[in-house]
Each structure stands twice: as structure tokens, then as C-alpha cells.
Amino acid sequence: MRKIDIGGHKYSVKFMDGEKAGEDNKYLFGMNNPRTCEIFLDEKLVTSRRNETFLHEVIHVILVNTGCDHDEGLIESLANGFHQLGVGEYLWKKVEK
């Protein structure tokens, strides 16, 4: 099973069917559950999108763990910028070990 330590908590990384969800009928690429320490990713994502989505969810978890208010626009900006620097790929390699 894939796991990653975020803020001293072992998160399981699992795949899900990311069909359209929510009121806006957008695809759900990923989500996280801090109560159960789980991150879910759409199983059909291409590698680059998977890595960026994983990074997006990790940023969510970090901000929730620290009690910081945040919104999706901020998370998307940070995830996209850090992904371009190779952070998404780096984090995914840590999960694959």
C-alpha cells in the first residue's frame, strides 16, 4: 500500500473512480480525508496530472493540519507552481518506495 508521512501522520494513498461529481458536474481528480488519513486520486489520470493532483491534496492536508484557512484557487496556484518545479514527481517517488 502507498503511504506518505505528512505532519507526523501516515496517509494512505488510494485510487478511486473520478467520475463527474458535485453541483458543478466537474471531474473529481482527488480528495483527502484528514480523519482517516487518506488521499484519493482518480485512477485514470495521466502521470503528470496524477502527480500535480497528489501535490494539490498534500497541500490541502498541510494547511488543514496547521489550521490555516485556504481556498481552491490558492491550492491550485501552489500545486501548479510547485509541480512545474518537479515537486509533484518528487513526492510521488516517495510514495512509490
Protein backbone atom coordinates (compact mmCIF):
# COMPACT_ATOMS: atom_id res chain seq x y z
CA MET A 1 0.00 0.00 0.00
CA ARG A 2 1.20 3.50 -0.82
CA LYS A 3 1.81 5.74 2.21
CA ILE A 4 3.33 9.13 2.93
CA ASP A 5 4.07 10.89 6.20
CA ILE A 6 2.53 14.38 6.33
CA GLY A 7 2.95 16.35 9.55
CA GLY A 8 3.66 13.21 11.55
CA HIS A 9 0.60 11.34 10.22
CA LYS A 10 0.82 8.32 7.90
CA TYR A 11 -1.53 8.94 4.97
CA SER A 12 -2.63 6.07 2.74
CA VAL A 13 -2.79 6.93 -0.94
CA LYS A 14 -5.59 5.13 -2.79
CA PHE A 15 -7.12 5.23 -6.24
CA MET A 16 -10.78 5.95 -6.98
CA ASP A 17 -13.08 6.34 -9.96
CA GLY A 18 -13.05 10.11 -10.56
CA GLU A 19 -16.30 10.42 -12.46
CA LYS A 20 -18.12 13.74 -12.58
CA ALA A 21 -19.22 14.82 -9.14
CA GLY A 22 -20.65 17.77 -7.30
CA GLU A 23 -23.08 20.52 -8.17
CA ASP A 24 -20.87 21.93 -10.94
CA ASN A 25 -20.57 18.46 -12.56
CA LYS A 26 -16.76 18.68 -12.77
CA TYR A 27 -14.45 15.70 -12.65
CA LEU A 28 -13.09 14.91 -9.21
CA PHE A 29 -9.36 14.29 -9.69
CA GLY A 30 -8.56 13.87 -5.99
CA MET A 31 -9.68 14.35 -2.42
CA ASN A 32 -8.41 13.79 1.10
CA ASN A 33 -9.83 12.76 4.44
CA PRO A 34 -7.81 14.05 7.41
CA ARG A 35 -9.87 12.00 9.88
CA THR A 36 -8.87 8.69 8.29
CA CYS A 37 -5.51 9.92 6.93
CA GLU A 38 -6.35 9.03 3.33
CA ILE A 39 -5.68 10.67 -0.01
CA PHE A 40 -7.70 9.51 -3.01
CA LEU A 41 -6.67 10.02 -6.64
CA ASP A 42 -8.55 9.38 -9.87
CA GLU A 43 -7.19 6.09 -11.22
CA LYS A 44 -7.43 7.30 -14.84
CA LEU A 45 -5.17 10.36 -14.56
CA VAL A 46 -2.08 10.55 -16.75
CA THR A 47 1.18 10.60 -14.79
CA SER A 48 1.73 14.37 -14.86
CA ARG A 49 -1.88 15.11 -13.82
CA ARG A 50 -1.68 12.45 -11.09
CA ASN A 51 1.48 14.00 -9.67
CA GLU A 52 0.02 17.52 -9.70
CA THR A 53 -3.26 16.32 -8.14
CA PHE A 54 -1.35 14.41 -5.48
CA LEU A 55 0.63 17.57 -4.68
CA HIS A 56 -2.66 19.51 -4.56
CA GLU A 57 -4.06 17.10 -1.95
CA VAL A 58 -0.83 17.15 0.08
CA ILE A 59 -1.02 20.96 0.23
CA HIS A 60 -4.63 20.70 1.45
CA VAL A 61 -3.54 18.30 4.20
CA ILE A 62 -0.65 20.53 5.30
CA LEU A 63 -2.93 23.56 5.58
CA VAL A 64 -5.66 21.63 7.41
CA ASN A 65 -3.06 20.19 9.83
CA THR A 66 -1.83 23.69 10.64
CA GLY A 67 -5.30 25.22 10.93
CA CYS A 68 -4.79 27.63 8.03
CA ASP A 69 -7.77 28.93 6.10
CA HIS A 70 -7.43 28.35 2.37
CA ASP A 71 -9.39 28.15 -0.85
CA GLU A 72 -9.18 26.12 -4.04
CA GLY A 73 -7.66 28.98 -6.04
CA LEU A 74 -4.72 29.22 -3.66
CA ILE A 75 -4.25 25.44 -3.62
CA GLU A 76 -4.39 25.25 -7.43
CA SER A 77 -1.83 28.03 -7.78
CA LEU A 78 0.58 26.45 -5.31
CA ALA A 79 0.15 22.95 -6.72
CA ASN A 80 0.68 24.10 -10.30
CA GLY A 81 3.72 26.22 -9.46
CA PHE A 82 5.39 23.56 -7.32
CA HIS A 83 4.54 20.88 -9.88
CA GLN A 84 6.41 22.87 -12.54
CA LEU A 85 9.45 22.80 -10.23
CA GLY A 86 9.30 18.99 -10.02
CA VAL A 87 7.85 18.72 -6.51
CA GLY A 88 4.89 16.58 -7.61
CA GLU A 89 7.15 13.99 -9.20
CA TYR A 90 9.47 14.06 -6.18
CA LEU A 91 6.61 13.42 -3.74
CA TRP A 92 5.16 10.63 -5.88
CA LYS A 93 8.54 8.85 -5.87
CA LYS A 94 8.46 8.97 -2.06
CA VAL A 95 5.05 7.23 -2.14
CA GLU A 96 6.25 4.53 -4.53
CA LYS A 97 9.07 3.40 -2.21
